N, C-alpha and C. Protein backbone atom coordinates (compact mmCIF):
# COMPACT_ATOMS: atom_id res chain seq x y z
N UNK A 1 -8.71 17.06 -7.78
CA UNK A 1 -7.44 16.36 -7.69
C UNK A 1 -6.55 16.81 -8.85
N UNK A 2 -5.33 17.22 -8.54
CA UNK A 2 -4.42 17.71 -9.55
C UNK A 2 -3.84 16.56 -10.37
N UNK A 3 -3.30 16.89 -11.52
CA UNK A 3 -2.71 15.87 -12.38
C UNK A 3 -1.55 15.16 -11.70
N UNK A 4 -0.61 15.88 -11.04
CA UNK A 4 0.48 15.16 -10.36
C UNK A 4 -0.04 14.19 -9.29
N UNK A 5 -1.10 14.58 -8.59
CA UNK A 5 -1.67 13.70 -7.57
C UNK A 5 -2.28 12.45 -8.22
N UNK A 6 -2.98 12.63 -9.35
CA UNK A 6 -3.54 11.49 -10.06
C UNK A 6 -2.44 10.54 -10.52
N UNK A 7 -1.32 11.11 -10.98
CA UNK A 7 -0.19 10.30 -11.42
C UNK A 7 0.39 9.50 -10.26
N UNK A 8 0.53 10.13 -9.11
CA UNK A 8 1.04 9.43 -7.93
C UNK A 8 0.12 8.28 -7.55
N UNK A 9 -1.18 8.53 -7.54
CA UNK A 9 -2.14 7.49 -7.17
C UNK A 9 -2.08 6.33 -8.16
N UNK A 10 -1.95 6.64 -9.43
CA UNK A 10 -1.82 5.59 -10.45
C UNK A 10 -0.57 4.75 -10.18
N UNK A 11 0.54 5.40 -9.85
CA UNK A 11 1.78 4.68 -9.56
C UNK A 11 1.65 3.84 -8.28
N UNK A 12 0.94 4.35 -7.30
CA UNK A 12 0.69 3.58 -6.07
C UNK A 12 -0.13 2.34 -6.39
N UNK A 13 -1.20 2.52 -7.17
CA UNK A 13 -2.05 1.38 -7.55
C UNK A 13 -1.26 0.34 -8.33
N UNK A 14 -0.37 0.79 -9.22
CA UNK A 14 0.44 -0.14 -10.00
C UNK A 14 1.39 -0.93 -9.09
N UNK A 15 1.97 -0.27 -8.11
CA UNK A 15 2.87 -0.94 -7.17
C UNK A 15 2.10 -1.97 -6.34
N UNK A 16 0.92 -1.59 -5.86
CA UNK A 16 0.11 -2.53 -5.09
C UNK A 16 -0.30 -3.73 -5.95
N UNK A 17 -0.59 -3.48 -7.23
CA UNK A 17 -0.97 -4.57 -8.13
C UNK A 17 0.16 -5.59 -8.27
N UNK A 18 1.40 -5.12 -8.23
CA UNK A 18 2.55 -6.03 -8.33
C UNK A 18 2.70 -6.87 -7.06
N UNK A 19 2.24 -6.35 -5.93
CA UNK A 19 2.36 -7.06 -4.65
C UNK A 19 1.20 -8.03 -4.41
N UNK A 20 0.06 -7.79 -5.05
CA UNK A 20 -1.14 -8.58 -4.77
C UNK A 20 -0.96 -10.08 -4.92
N UNK A 21 -0.28 -10.57 -5.94
CA UNK A 21 -0.14 -12.04 -6.06
C UNK A 21 0.51 -12.68 -4.83
N UNK A 22 1.44 -11.99 -4.21
CA UNK A 22 2.11 -12.53 -3.01
C UNK A 22 1.14 -12.56 -1.83
N UNK A 23 0.33 -11.50 -1.70
CA UNK A 23 -0.65 -11.46 -0.61
C UNK A 23 -1.76 -12.47 -0.85
N UNK A 24 -2.20 -12.57 -2.09
CA UNK A 24 -3.29 -13.50 -2.42
C UNK A 24 -2.86 -14.94 -2.21
N UNK A 25 -1.56 -15.23 -2.36
CA UNK A 25 -1.06 -16.58 -2.13
C UNK A 25 -1.29 -17.01 -0.68
N UNK A 26 -1.39 -16.03 0.22
CA UNK A 26 -1.65 -16.30 1.63
C UNK A 26 -3.09 -15.91 2.02
N UNK A 27 -3.97 -15.86 1.02
CA UNK A 27 -5.39 -15.52 1.22
C UNK A 27 -5.59 -14.11 1.77
N UNK A 28 -4.73 -13.19 1.38
CA UNK A 28 -4.86 -11.80 1.81
C UNK A 28 -4.94 -10.87 0.61
N UNK A 29 -5.02 -9.59 0.91
CA UNK A 29 -5.05 -8.59 -0.15
C UNK A 29 -4.81 -7.23 0.49
N UNK A 30 -4.64 -6.22 -0.34
CA UNK A 30 -4.47 -4.85 0.12
C UNK A 30 -5.21 -3.95 -0.84
N UNK A 31 -5.84 -2.90 -0.31
CA UNK A 31 -6.49 -1.94 -1.19
C UNK A 31 -6.05 -0.53 -0.82
N UNK A 32 -5.90 0.30 -1.83
CA UNK A 32 -5.54 1.70 -1.65
C UNK A 32 -6.76 2.43 -1.11
N UNK A 33 -6.56 3.25 -0.07
CA UNK A 33 -7.65 4.03 0.50
C UNK A 33 -7.49 5.50 0.13
N UNK A 34 -6.32 6.09 0.45
CA UNK A 34 -6.12 7.49 0.11
C UNK A 34 -4.65 7.87 0.18
N UNK A 35 -4.35 9.00 -0.43
CA UNK A 35 -3.06 9.66 -0.33
C UNK A 35 -3.31 10.95 0.42
N UNK A 36 -2.69 11.09 1.60
CA UNK A 36 -2.94 12.29 2.42
C UNK A 36 -2.19 13.49 1.84
N UNK A 37 -2.53 14.67 2.36
CA UNK A 37 -1.87 15.90 1.91
C UNK A 37 -0.38 15.89 2.20
N UNK A 38 0.04 15.14 3.22
CA UNK A 38 1.47 15.07 3.55
C UNK A 38 2.12 13.81 2.96
N UNK A 39 1.51 13.26 1.91
CA UNK A 39 2.07 12.17 1.11
C UNK A 39 2.25 10.87 1.89
N UNK A 40 1.30 10.57 2.74
CA UNK A 40 1.24 9.27 3.40
C UNK A 40 0.16 8.46 2.71
N UNK A 41 0.50 7.25 2.32
CA UNK A 41 -0.45 6.36 1.66
C UNK A 41 -1.19 5.57 2.74
N UNK A 42 -2.51 5.56 2.66
CA UNK A 42 -3.31 4.76 3.58
C UNK A 42 -3.88 3.59 2.79
N UNK A 43 -3.68 2.40 3.35
CA UNK A 43 -4.15 1.18 2.72
C UNK A 43 -4.99 0.39 3.72
N UNK A 44 -5.76 -0.53 3.19
CA UNK A 44 -6.53 -1.44 4.03
C UNK A 44 -6.06 -2.86 3.73
N UNK A 45 -5.61 -3.55 4.78
CA UNK A 45 -5.24 -4.96 4.62
C UNK A 45 -6.52 -5.77 4.71
N UNK A 46 -6.67 -6.74 3.81
CA UNK A 46 -7.92 -7.48 3.70
C UNK A 46 -7.67 -8.98 3.78
N UNK A 47 -8.75 -9.71 3.96
CA UNK A 47 -8.67 -11.17 4.02
C UNK A 47 -7.79 -11.60 5.18
N UNK A 48 -6.96 -12.60 4.94
CA UNK A 48 -6.09 -13.12 5.99
C UNK A 48 -5.12 -12.05 6.50
N UNK A 49 -4.79 -11.08 5.65
CA UNK A 49 -3.84 -10.02 6.06
C UNK A 49 -4.42 -9.13 7.17
N UNK A 50 -5.73 -9.04 7.25
CA UNK A 50 -6.32 -8.14 8.24
C UNK A 50 -6.16 -8.65 9.66
N UNK A 51 -6.00 -9.96 9.83
CA UNK A 51 -5.89 -10.52 11.17
C UNK A 51 -4.59 -11.29 11.41
N UNK A 52 -3.72 -11.30 10.45
CA UNK A 52 -2.47 -12.07 10.57
C UNK A 52 -1.51 -11.40 11.56
N UNK A 53 -0.86 -12.22 12.36
CA UNK A 53 0.10 -11.68 13.33
C UNK A 53 1.31 -11.05 12.64
N UNK A 54 1.53 -11.38 11.40
CA UNK A 54 2.66 -10.83 10.64
C UNK A 54 2.27 -9.61 9.81
N UNK A 55 1.04 -9.12 9.96
CA UNK A 55 0.57 -8.05 9.09
C UNK A 55 1.39 -6.77 9.23
N UNK A 56 1.89 -6.45 10.43
CA UNK A 56 2.71 -5.26 10.59
C UNK A 56 4.00 -5.39 9.80
N UNK A 57 4.61 -6.57 9.85
CA UNK A 57 5.83 -6.79 9.08
C UNK A 57 5.53 -6.75 7.58
N UNK A 58 4.42 -7.34 7.17
CA UNK A 58 4.02 -7.30 5.76
C UNK A 58 3.86 -5.85 5.31
N UNK A 59 3.21 -5.05 6.15
CA UNK A 59 2.97 -3.65 5.80
C UNK A 59 4.28 -2.89 5.70
N UNK A 60 5.13 -2.97 6.71
CA UNK A 60 6.35 -2.16 6.75
C UNK A 60 7.46 -2.71 5.84
N UNK A 61 7.73 -4.00 5.93
CA UNK A 61 8.85 -4.57 5.18
C UNK A 61 8.48 -4.85 3.73
N UNK A 62 7.22 -5.12 3.47
CA UNK A 62 6.81 -5.45 2.10
C UNK A 62 6.17 -4.29 1.38
N UNK A 63 5.00 -3.91 1.83
CA UNK A 63 4.22 -2.90 1.12
C UNK A 63 4.89 -1.54 1.17
N UNK A 64 5.23 -1.07 2.39
CA UNK A 64 5.81 0.27 2.50
C UNK A 64 7.13 0.37 1.76
N UNK A 65 8.01 -0.60 1.92
CA UNK A 65 9.31 -0.53 1.25
C UNK A 65 9.16 -0.53 -0.27
N UNK A 66 8.23 -1.32 -0.77
CA UNK A 66 8.00 -1.35 -2.23
C UNK A 66 7.50 -0.02 -2.74
N UNK A 67 6.57 0.58 -2.00
CA UNK A 67 6.02 1.88 -2.43
C UNK A 67 7.08 2.97 -2.33
N UNK A 68 7.82 3.02 -1.22
CA UNK A 68 8.86 4.05 -1.05
C UNK A 68 9.94 3.94 -2.12
N UNK A 69 10.28 2.72 -2.49
CA UNK A 69 11.30 2.51 -3.53
C UNK A 69 10.79 2.95 -4.90
N UNK A 70 9.54 2.62 -5.19
CA UNK A 70 8.97 2.94 -6.51
C UNK A 70 8.54 4.40 -6.63
N UNK A 71 8.16 4.99 -5.48
CA UNK A 71 7.59 6.34 -5.51
C UNK A 71 8.21 7.16 -4.39
N UNK A 72 9.37 7.77 -4.64
CA UNK A 72 10.10 8.49 -3.59
C UNK A 72 9.32 9.66 -2.98
N UNK A 73 8.32 10.17 -3.68
CA UNK A 73 7.53 11.29 -3.15
C UNK A 73 6.73 10.89 -1.91
N UNK A 74 6.42 9.60 -1.80
CA UNK A 74 5.64 9.10 -0.67
C UNK A 74 6.51 9.11 0.58
N UNK A 75 5.93 9.58 1.70
CA UNK A 75 6.67 9.69 2.96
C UNK A 75 6.47 8.48 3.86
N UNK A 76 5.38 7.73 3.68
CA UNK A 76 5.13 6.58 4.52
C UNK A 76 3.85 5.88 4.10
N UNK A 77 3.63 4.73 4.71
CA UNK A 77 2.42 3.93 4.44
C UNK A 77 1.86 3.51 5.77
N UNK A 78 0.54 3.65 5.92
CA UNK A 78 -0.10 3.17 7.15
C UNK A 78 -1.36 2.42 6.79
N UNK A 79 -1.66 1.43 7.62
CA UNK A 79 -2.87 0.63 7.43
C UNK A 79 -3.99 1.20 8.29
N UNK A 80 -5.20 1.20 7.74
CA UNK A 80 -6.37 1.60 8.50
C UNK A 80 -7.31 0.40 8.58
N UNK A 81 -8.14 0.42 9.58
CA UNK A 81 -9.07 -0.70 9.78
C UNK A 81 -10.26 -0.57 8.87
């Protein structure tokens, strides 16, 4: 893993850490899984977030927008099971 990639992952983790209190307030969480070669962040929604009917909105409007704003190099965010 190159240094720029490590830096990006660190910034992704920091952004997710800022979002966790909001997810945890609803008994949910998110974990970083990987950064793909085409700069897509893969995350896993956990706890209540994994089965919540609003999880798609949480992912796109909350998590993805926060990451894209903080880290312009990222092209998108997707959840994996």
